[in-house]
Amino acid sequence: MAYLLDTNTATYLLKKKLNVNNGLIEVTRRGDEVFISCITYYEIKRGLISIKATRQLADFHESCTDYTKQE
């Protein structure tokens, strides 16, 4: 099975919400694929840039290397 993360879920992951992070760990442990759309990627990145959240931007960039972007 494959999962496409929406903007809310990606935001919860950045905020390190425990239940969302644990769910994602379980999904990847099962070998399921996790994707992030280019729209979600843009929304998150644009929001972090607008508030000058450089640490969160770096965390987001690092976490995106684990997930494939869908166009």
PDB file of N, CA and C in Angstrom:
ATOM      1  N   MET A   1       0.842  -1.168   0.000  1.00  0.00           N
ATOM      2  CA  MET A   1       0.000   0.000   0.000  1.00  0.00           C
ATOM      3  C   MET A   1       0.895   1.242   0.000  1.00  0.00           C
ATOM      4  N   ALA A   2       0.367   2.321  -0.511  1.00  0.00           N
ATOM      5  CA  ALA A   2       1.113   3.581  -0.557  1.00  0.00           C
ATOM      6  C   ALA A   2       0.296   4.669   0.132  1.00  0.00           C
ATOM      7  N   TYR A   3       0.987   5.611   0.719  1.00  0.00           N
ATOM      8  CA  TYR A   3       0.348   6.728   1.421  1.00  0.00           C
ATOM      9  C   TYR A   3       0.859   8.034   0.852  1.00  0.00           C
ATOM     10  N   LEU A   4      -0.054   8.985   0.684  1.00  0.00           N
ATOM     11  CA  LEU A   4       0.285  10.326   0.236  1.00  0.00           C
ATOM     12  C   LEU A   4       0.001  11.278   1.388  1.00  0.00           C
ATOM     13  N   LEU A   5       1.047  11.902   1.904  1.00  0.00           N
ATOM     14  CA  LEU A   5       0.895  12.804   3.040  1.00  0.00           C
ATOM     15  C   LEU A   5       0.300  14.127   2.595  1.00  0.00           C
ATOM     16  N   ASP A   6      -0.700  14.601   3.332  1.00  0.00           N
ATOM     17  CA  ASP A   6      -1.247  15.916   3.045  1.00  0.00           C
ATOM     18  C   ASP A   6      -0.509  16.958   3.892  1.00  0.00           C
ATOM     19  N   THR A   7      -0.846  18.217   3.699  1.00  0.00           N
ATOM     20  CA  THR A   7      -0.143  19.303   4.378  1.00  0.00           C
ATOM     21  C   THR A   7      -0.308  19.214   5.889  1.00  0.00           C
ATOM     22  N   ASN A   8      -1.498  18.876   6.358  1.00  0.00           N
ATOM     23  CA  ASN A   8      -1.718  18.768   7.800  1.00  0.00           C
ATOM     24  C   ASN A   8      -0.843  17.683   8.418  1.00  0.00           C
ATOM     25  N   THR A   9      -0.793  16.529   7.781  1.00  0.00           N
ATOM     26  CA  THR A   9       0.008  15.431   8.311  1.00  0.00           C
ATOM     27  C   THR A   9       1.482  15.788   8.299  1.00  0.00           C
ATOM     28  N   ALA A  10       1.961  16.402   7.221  1.00  0.00           N
ATOM     29  CA  ALA A  10       3.363  16.818   7.158  1.00  0.00           C
ATOM     30  C   ALA A  10       3.678  17.839   8.245  1.00  0.00           C
ATOM     31  N   THR A  11       2.738  18.727   8.523  1.00  0.00           N
ATOM     32  CA  THR A  11       2.923  19.716   9.589  1.00  0.00           C
ATOM     33  C   THR A  11       3.013  19.030  10.945  1.00  0.00           C
ATOM     34  N   TYR A  12       2.150  18.053  11.186  1.00  0.00           N
ATOM     35  CA  TYR A  12       2.204  17.314  12.448  1.00  0.00           C
ATOM     36  C   TYR A  12       3.529  16.586  12.600  1.00  0.00           C
ATOM     37  N   LEU A  13       4.051  16.060  11.513  1.00  0.00           N
ATOM     38  CA  LEU A  13       5.352  15.395  11.572  1.00  0.00           C
ATOM     39  C   LEU A  13       6.453  16.378  11.955  1.00  0.00           C
ATOM     40  N   LEU A  14       6.407  17.578  11.382  1.00  0.00           N
ATOM     41  CA  LEU A  14       7.404  18.597  11.721  1.00  0.00           C
ATOM     42  C   LEU A  14       7.289  19.035  13.174  1.00  0.00           C
ATOM     43  N   LYS A  15       6.064  19.048  13.683  1.00  0.00           N
ATOM     44  CA  LYS A  15       5.841  19.428  15.081  1.00  0.00           C
ATOM     45  C   LYS A  15       6.093  18.260  16.030  1.00  0.00           C
ATOM     46  N   LYS A  16       6.501  17.128  15.437  1.00  0.00           N
ATOM     47  CA  LYS A  16       6.841  15.927  16.186  1.00  0.00           C
ATOM     48  C   LYS A  16       5.688  15.423  17.058  1.00  0.00           C
ATOM     49  N   LYS A  17       4.488  15.433  16.474  1.00  0.00           N
ATOM     50  CA  LYS A  17       3.319  14.870  17.159  1.00  0.00           C
ATOM     51  C   LYS A  17       3.518  13.362  17.271  1.00  0.00           C
ATOM     52  N   LEU A  18       3.537  12.869  18.484  1.00  0.00           N
ATOM     53  CA  LEU A  18       3.915  11.491  18.758  1.00  0.00           C
ATOM     54  C   LEU A  18       3.044  10.468  18.034  1.00  0.00           C
ATOM     55  N   ASN A  19       1.730  10.638  18.057  1.00  0.00           N
ATOM     56  CA  ASN A  19       0.860   9.643  17.423  1.00  0.00           C
ATOM     57  C   ASN A  19       1.051   9.596  15.909  1.00  0.00           C
ATOM     58  N   VAL A  20       1.298  10.743  15.284  1.00  0.00           N
ATOM     59  CA  VAL A  20       1.519  10.781  13.835  1.00  0.00           C
ATOM     60  C   VAL A  20       2.883  10.164  13.505  1.00  0.00           C
ATOM     61  N   ASN A  21       3.897  10.514  14.280  1.00  0.00           N
ATOM     62  CA  ASN A  21       5.228   9.947  14.042  1.00  0.00           C
ATOM     63  C   ASN A  21       5.220   8.431  14.222  1.00  0.00           C
ATOM     64  N   ASN A  22       4.540   7.957  15.255  1.00  0.00           N
ATOM     65  CA  ASN A  22       4.467   6.512  15.482  1.00  0.00           C
ATOM     66  C   ASN A  22       3.728   5.811  14.351  1.00  0.00           C
ATOM     67  N   GLY A  23       2.670   6.438  13.858  1.00  0.00           N
ATOM     68  CA  GLY A  23       1.943   5.863  12.728  1.00  0.00           C
ATOM     69  C   GLY A  23       2.813   5.769  11.480  1.00  0.00           C
ATOM     70  N   LEU A  24       3.594   6.794  11.231  1.00  0.00           N
ATOM     71  CA  LEU A  24       4.476   6.784  10.070  1.00  0.00           C
ATOM     72  C   LEU A  24       5.577   5.737  10.215  1.00  0.00           C
ATOM     73  N   ILE A  25       6.089   5.589  11.416  1.00  0.00           N
ATOM     74  CA  ILE A  25       7.107   4.555  11.668  1.00  0.00           C
ATOM     75  C   ILE A  25       6.528   3.177  11.383  1.00  0.00           C
ATOM     76  N   GLU A  26       5.310   2.941  11.836  1.00  0.00           N
ATOM     77  CA  GLU A  26       4.663   1.645  11.609  1.00  0.00           C
ATOM     78  C   GLU A  26       4.433   1.392  10.119  1.00  0.00           C
ATOM     79  N   VAL A  27       3.999   2.397   9.404  1.00  0.00           N
ATOM     80  CA  VAL A  27       3.750   2.259   7.966  1.00  0.00           C
ATOM     81  C   VAL A  27       5.046   1.908   7.232  1.00  0.00           C
ATOM     82  N   THR A  28       6.123   2.619   7.542  1.00  0.00           N
ATOM     83  CA  THR A  28       7.386   2.346   6.860  1.00  0.00           C
ATOM     84  C   THR A  28       7.981   1.012   7.302  1.00  0.00           C
ATOM     85  N   ARG A  29       7.734   0.610   8.532  1.00  0.00           N
ATOM     86  CA  ARG A  29       8.222  -0.683   9.014  1.00  0.00           C
ATOM     87  C   ARG A  29       7.583  -1.826   8.223  1.00  0.00           C
ATOM     88  N   ARG A  30       6.313  -1.641   7.854  1.00  0.00           N
ATOM     89  CA  ARG A  30       5.617  -2.660   7.053  1.00  0.00           C
ATOM     90  C   ARG A  30       6.110  -2.688   5.610  1.00  0.00           C
ATOM     91  N   GLY A  31       6.880  -1.695   5.230  1.00  0.00           N
ATOM     92  CA  GLY A  31       7.383  -1.646   3.865  1.00  0.00           C
ATOM     93  C   GLY A  31       6.498  -0.873   2.910  1.00  0.00           C
ATOM     94  N   ASP A  32       5.477  -0.197   3.440  1.00  0.00           N
ATOM     95  CA  ASP A  32       4.609   0.605   2.591  1.00  0.00           C
ATOM     96  C   ASP A  32       5.337   1.873   2.148  1.00  0.00           C
ATOM     97  N   GLU A  33       4.951   2.372   0.986  1.00  0.00           N
ATOM     98  CA  GLU A  33       5.569   3.584   0.462  1.00  0.00           C
ATOM     99  C   GLU A  33       4.853   4.819   0.985  1.00  0.00           C
ATOM    100  N   VAL A  34       5.625   5.875   1.222  1.00  0.00           N
ATOM    101  CA  VAL A  34       5.071   7.145   1.694  1.00  0.00           C
ATOM    102  C   VAL A  34       5.538   8.226   0.727  1.00  0.00           C
ATOM    103  N   PHE A  35       4.580   9.032   0.263  1.00  0.00           N
ATOM    104  CA  PHE A  35       4.880  10.085  -0.697  1.00  0.00           C
ATOM    105  C   PHE A  35       4.413  11.429  -0.164  1.00  0.00           C
ATOM    106  N   ILE A  36       4.988  12.489  -0.718  1.00  0.00           N
ATOM    107  CA  ILE A  36       4.542  13.853  -0.444  1.00  0.00           C
ATOM    108  C   ILE A  36       4.370  14.530  -1.801  1.00  0.00           C
ATOM    109  N   SER A  37       3.240  15.189  -1.987  1.00  0.00           N
ATOM    110  CA  SER A  37       2.984  15.825  -3.285  1.00  0.00           C
ATOM    111  C   SER A  37       3.795  17.115  -3.410  1.00  0.00           C
ATOM    112  N   CYS A  38       3.968  17.550  -4.632  1.00  0.00           N
ATOM    113  CA  CYS A  38       4.689  18.806  -4.864  1.00  0.00           C
ATOM    114  C   CYS A  38       3.910  19.986  -4.285  1.00  0.00           C
ATOM    115  N   ILE A  39       2.595  19.889  -4.232  1.00  0.00           N
ATOM    116  CA  ILE A  39       1.779  20.963  -3.662  1.00  0.00           C
ATOM    117  C   ILE A  39       2.006  21.047  -2.154  1.00  0.00           C
ATOM    118  N   THR A  40       1.978  19.900  -1.479  1.00  0.00           N
ATOM    119  CA  THR A  40       2.244  19.882  -0.039  1.00  0.00           C
ATOM    120  C   THR A  40       3.651  20.374   0.248  1.00  0.00           C
ATOM    121  N   TYR A  41       4.604  19.913  -0.538  1.00  0.00           N
ATOM    122  CA  TYR A  41       6.001  20.344  -0.378  1.00  0.00           C
ATOM    123  C   TYR A  41       6.088  21.866  -0.471  1.00  0.00           C
ATOM    124  N   TYR A  42       5.439  22.435  -1.475  1.00  0.00           N
ATOM    125  CA  TYR A  42       5.466  23.884  -1.662  1.00  0.00           C
ATOM    126  C   TYR A  42       4.798  24.607  -0.500  1.00  0.00           C
ATOM    127  N   GLU A  43       3.628  24.122  -0.087  1.00  0.00           N
ATOM    128  CA  GLU A  43       2.900  24.787   0.994  1.00  0.00           C
ATOM    129  C   GLU A  43       3.722  24.821   2.284  1.00  0.00           C
ATOM    130  N   ILE A  44       4.321  23.702   2.624  1.00  0.00           N
ATOM    131  CA  ILE A  44       5.123  23.641   3.848  1.00  0.00           C
ATOM    132  C   ILE A  44       6.355  24.532   3.722  1.00  0.00           C
ATOM    133  N   LYS A  45       7.059  24.392   2.615  1.00  0.00           N
ATOM    134  CA  LYS A  45       8.286  25.170   2.439  1.00  0.00           C
ATOM    135  C   LYS A  45       7.992  26.671   2.421  1.00  0.00           C
ATOM    136  N   ARG A  46       6.959  27.063   1.716  1.00  0.00           N
ATOM    137  CA  ARG A  46       6.597  28.480   1.643  1.00  0.00           C
ATOM    138  C   ARG A  46       6.224  29.035   3.018  1.00  0.00           C
ATOM    139  N   GLY A  47       5.474  28.258   3.777  1.00  0.00           N
ATOM    140  CA  GLY A  47       5.091  28.686   5.116  1.00  0.00           C
ATOM    141  C   GLY A  47       6.288  28.847   6.036  1.00  0.00           C
ATOM    142  N   LEU A  48       7.222  27.919   5.969  1.00  0.00           N
ATOM    143  CA  LEU A  48       8.410  28.000   6.821  1.00  0.00           C
ATOM    144  C   LEU A  48       9.312  29.162   6.414  1.00  0.00           C
ATOM    145  N   ILE A  49       9.422  29.406   5.116  1.00  0.00           N
ATOM    146  CA  ILE A  49      10.226  30.541   4.647  1.00  0.00           C
ATOM    147  C   ILE A  49       9.606  31.854   5.091  1.00  0.00           C
ATOM    148  N   SER A  50       8.281  31.942   5.025  1.00  0.00           N
ATOM    149  CA  SER A  50       7.615  33.203   5.363  1.00  0.00           C
ATOM    150  C   SER A  50       7.767  33.578   6.835  1.00  0.00           C
ATOM    151  N   ILE A  51       7.924  32.582   7.702  1.00  0.00           N
ATOM    152  CA  ILE A  51       8.118  32.892   9.125  1.00  0.00           C
ATOM    153  C   ILE A  51       9.592  32.774   9.547  1.00  0.00           C
ATOM    154  N   LYS A  52      10.457  32.615   8.534  1.00  0.00           N
ATOM    155  CA  LYS A  52      11.901  32.534   8.759  1.00  0.00           C
ATOM    156  C   LYS A  52      12.271  31.443   9.769  1.00  0.00           C
ATOM    157  N   ALA A  53      11.646  30.296   9.619  1.00  0.00           N
ATOM    158  CA  ALA A  53      11.877  29.148  10.497  1.00  0.00           C
ATOM    159  C   ALA A  53      12.979  28.278   9.902  1.00  0.00           C
ATOM    160  N   THR A  54      14.214  28.733  10.034  1.00  0.00           N
ATOM    161  CA  THR A  54      15.328  28.057   9.363  1.00  0.00           C
ATOM    162  C   THR A  54      15.585  26.656   9.904  1.00  0.00           C
ATOM    163  N   ARG A  55      15.439  26.465  11.212  1.00  0.00           N
ATOM    164  CA  ARG A  55      15.672  25.128  11.769  1.00  0.00           C
ATOM    165  C   ARG A  55      14.616  24.153  11.273  1.00  0.00           C
ATOM    166  N   GLN A  56      13.345  24.583  11.289  1.00  0.00           N
ATOM    167  CA  GLN A  56      12.268  23.719  10.812  1.00  0.00           C
ATOM    168  C   GLN A  56      12.394  23.463   9.311  1.00  0.00           C
ATOM    169  N   LEU A  57      12.876  24.455   8.585  1.00  0.00           N
ATOM    170  CA  LEU A  57      13.088  24.289   7.148  1.00  0.00           C
ATOM    171  C   LEU A  57      14.150  23.224   6.885  1.00  0.00           C
ATOM    172  N   ALA A  58      15.223  23.254   7.668  1.00  0.00           N
ATOM    173  CA  ALA A  58      16.265  22.237   7.542  1.00  0.00           C
ATOM    174  C   ALA A  58      15.720  20.859   7.907  1.00  0.00           C
ATOM    175  N   ASP A  59      14.904  20.779   8.976  1.00  0.00           N
ATOM    176  CA  ASP A  59      14.288  19.511   9.365  1.00  0.00           C
ATOM    177  C   ASP A  59      13.365  18.995   8.264  1.00  0.00           C
ATOM    178  N   PHE A  60      12.599  19.902   7.672  1.00  0.00           N
ATOM    179  CA  PHE A  60      11.685  19.514   6.598  1.00  0.00           C
ATOM    180  C   PHE A  60      12.458  18.986   5.397  1.00  0.00           C
ATOM    181  N   HIS A  61      13.507  19.685   5.025  1.00  0.00           N
ATOM    182  CA  HIS A  61      14.326  19.238   3.898  1.00  0.00           C
ATOM    183  C   HIS A  61      14.906  17.848   4.163  1.00  0.00           C
ATOM    184  N   GLU A  62      15.389  17.646   5.373  1.00  0.00           N
ATOM    185  CA  GLU A  62      15.965  16.349   5.727  1.00  0.00           C
ATOM    186  C   GLU A  62      14.908  15.250   5.689  1.00  0.00           C
ATOM    187  N   SER A  63      13.723  15.539   6.211  1.00  0.00           N
ATOM    188  CA  SER A  63      12.673  14.517   6.218  1.00  0.00           C
ATOM    189  C   SER A  63      12.181  14.209   4.807  1.00  0.00           C
ATOM    190  N   CYS A  64      12.241  15.173   3.914  1.00  0.00           N
ATOM    191  CA  CYS A  64      11.795  14.939   2.535  1.00  0.00           C
ATOM    192  C   CYS A  64      12.724  14.016   1.772  1.00  0.00           C
ATOM    193  N   THR A  65      13.933  13.874   2.216  1.00  0.00           N
ATOM    194  CA  THR A  65      14.821  12.923   1.546  1.00  0.00           C
ATOM    195  C   THR A  65      14.369  11.492   1.772  1.00  0.00           C
ATOM    196  N   ASP A  66      13.535  11.290   2.813  1.00  0.00           N
ATOM    197  CA  ASP A  66      13.015   9.946   3.093  1.00  0.00           C
ATOM    198  C   ASP A  66      11.779   9.615   2.279  1.00  0.00           C
ATOM    199  N   TYR A  67      11.126  10.615   1.712  1.00  0.00           N
ATOM    200  CA  TYR A  67       9.857  10.411   1.019  1.00  0.00           C
ATOM    201  C   TYR A  67       9.934  10.970  -0.393  1.00  0.00           C
ATOM    202  N   THR A  68       9.328  10.270  -1.318  1.00  0.00           N
ATOM    203  CA  THR A  68       9.335  10.657  -2.714  1.00  0.00           C
ATOM    204  C   THR A  68       8.294  11.735  -2.973  1.00  0.00           C
ATOM    205  N   LYS A  69       8.659  12.738  -3.759  1.00  0.00           N
ATOM    206  CA  LYS A  69       7.707  13.762  -4.155  1.00  0.00           C
ATOM    207  C   LYS A  69       6.945  13.300  -5.388  1.00  0.00           C
ATOM    208  N   GLN A  70       5.625  13.422  -5.389  1.00  0.00           N
ATOM    209  CA  GLN A  70       4.786  13.082  -6.541  1.00  0.00           C
ATOM    210  C   GLN A  70       4.402  14.370  -7.271  1.00  0.00           C
ATOM    211  N   GLU A  71       4.499  14.349  -8.560  1.00  0.00           N
ATOM    212  CA  GLU A  71       4.125  15.541  -9.356  1.00  0.00           C
ATOM    213  C   GLU A  71       2.808  15.323 -10.050  1.00  0.00           C
TER     214      GLU A  71
END
